[in-house]
Amino acid sequence: MKFKFFYLACKCGYQENLDTSIDHESVQKKKEALEKNLIIVNKEDKISIHPIVKRICPKCQHKEAETWHTQIRSSDEPSTHFFRCVKCKYTWREE
């Protein structure tokens, strides 16, 4: 099955005529190849890239939290240490 597109239209008003035919089978094969290489992560997967440390959550009192450092202010200031509770996902920081 082949599809033929007649013009390309942009939000800005630009239009261009197209005389290109696209083969539906080749598009489907490319789509399937892409899907095989993709990793889909849902919130339910609960994958964390941050290390887990023993820290008491100020909100729910759970004893484990993810941790990471971020430089928020200028480079001569110390970085900010963030924590996120593993149980309730509350995030807090220590400077």
Protein backbone atom coordinates (compact mmCIF):
# COMPACT_ATOMS: atom_id res chain seq x y z
CA MET A 1 0.00 0.00 0.00
CA LYS A 2 1.38 3.41 -0.92
CA PHE A 3 0.36 6.81 0.39
CA LYS A 4 0.82 10.06 -1.48
CA PHE A 5 1.09 13.38 0.30
CA PHE A 6 0.17 16.44 -1.69
CA TYR A 7 1.51 19.30 0.42
CA LEU A 8 3.28 20.12 3.65
CA ALA A 9 1.71 22.87 5.79
CA CYS A 10 3.30 24.64 8.75
CA LYS A 11 1.63 26.62 11.55
CA CYS A 12 3.37 29.76 10.29
CA GLY A 13 1.52 29.47 6.97
CA TYR A 14 4.35 28.07 4.84
CA GLN A 15 3.25 25.36 2.39
CA GLU A 16 5.28 23.12 0.12
CA ASN A 17 4.01 20.72 -2.52
CA LEU A 18 5.25 17.16 -2.13
CA ASP A 19 5.38 14.62 -4.93
CA THR A 20 6.82 11.82 -2.77
CA SER A 21 5.28 8.39 -2.40
CA ILE A 22 5.85 6.56 0.89
CA ASP A 23 5.80 2.79 1.09
CA HIS A 24 3.68 1.79 4.11
CA GLU A 25 5.55 -1.52 4.54
CA SER A 26 8.96 0.13 4.89
CA VAL A 27 7.57 2.62 7.41
CA GLN A 28 6.08 -0.27 9.44
CA LYS A 29 9.40 -2.17 9.38
CA LYS A 30 11.28 0.89 10.63
CA LYS A 31 8.69 1.43 13.37
CA GLU A 32 8.99 -2.19 14.54
CA ALA A 33 12.79 -1.96 14.57
CA LEU A 34 12.62 1.19 16.71
CA GLU A 35 10.16 -0.40 19.15
CA LYS A 36 12.49 -3.37 19.66
CA ASN A 37 15.29 -1.04 20.77
CA LEU A 38 13.20 1.14 23.09
CA ILE A 39 12.96 0.60 26.82
CA ILE A 40 9.70 1.90 28.25
CA VAL A 41 9.83 2.80 31.94
CA ASN A 42 6.63 3.31 33.92
CA LYS A 43 6.27 4.87 37.35
CA GLU A 44 5.40 1.42 38.63
CA ASP A 45 8.88 0.15 37.70
CA LYS A 46 10.37 2.26 40.52
CA ILE A 47 13.81 2.48 38.94
CA SER A 48 16.14 4.83 40.77
CA ILE A 49 19.42 6.19 39.49
CA HIS A 50 20.32 7.75 42.84
CA PRO A 51 21.96 5.89 45.73
CA ILE A 52 19.80 4.93 48.72
CA VAL A 53 20.97 6.07 52.16
CA LYS A 54 19.70 5.74 55.72
CA ARG A 55 17.94 9.03 56.41
CA ILE A 56 14.68 9.67 58.31
CA CYS A 57 11.96 11.31 56.24
CA PRO A 58 10.57 14.42 57.98
CA LYS A 59 7.10 13.69 56.57
CA CYS A 60 6.47 9.93 57.10
CA GLN A 61 9.45 8.91 59.29
CA HIS A 62 10.56 6.22 56.83
CA LYS A 63 14.27 5.42 57.25
CA GLU A 64 15.50 5.25 53.63
CA ALA A 65 15.94 8.00 51.04
CA GLU A 66 17.51 8.56 47.64
CA THR A 67 20.25 11.18 47.62
CA TRP A 68 22.01 13.50 45.16
CA HIS A 69 24.02 16.75 45.09
CA THR A 70 23.29 19.79 42.91
CA GLN A 71 25.19 23.05 42.52
CA ILE A 72 22.42 25.67 42.82
CA ARG A 73 24.34 28.79 43.74
CA SER A 74 27.68 30.09 42.48
CA SER A 75 30.65 27.75 42.24
CA ASP A 76 32.36 29.15 45.35
CA GLU A 77 29.32 28.13 47.47
CA PRO A 78 28.82 24.54 48.67
CA SER A 79 26.48 22.26 46.72
CA THR A 80 22.98 21.44 47.97
CA HIS A 81 22.33 17.89 49.17
CA PHE A 82 18.86 16.57 48.20
CA PHE A 83 16.99 13.60 49.64
CA ARG A 84 13.80 11.87 48.42
CA CYS A 85 11.93 9.42 50.63
CA VAL A 86 11.69 5.96 49.08
CA LYS A 87 8.21 5.42 50.56
CA CYS A 88 6.27 8.72 50.20
CA LYS A 89 8.52 10.47 47.60
CA TYR A 90 8.78 13.62 49.76
CA THR A 91 11.87 15.62 48.75
CA TRP A 92 13.90 17.80 51.12
CA ARG A 93 17.34 19.36 51.07
CA GLU A 94 20.27 20.10 53.33
CA GLU A 95 22.69 22.84 52.42
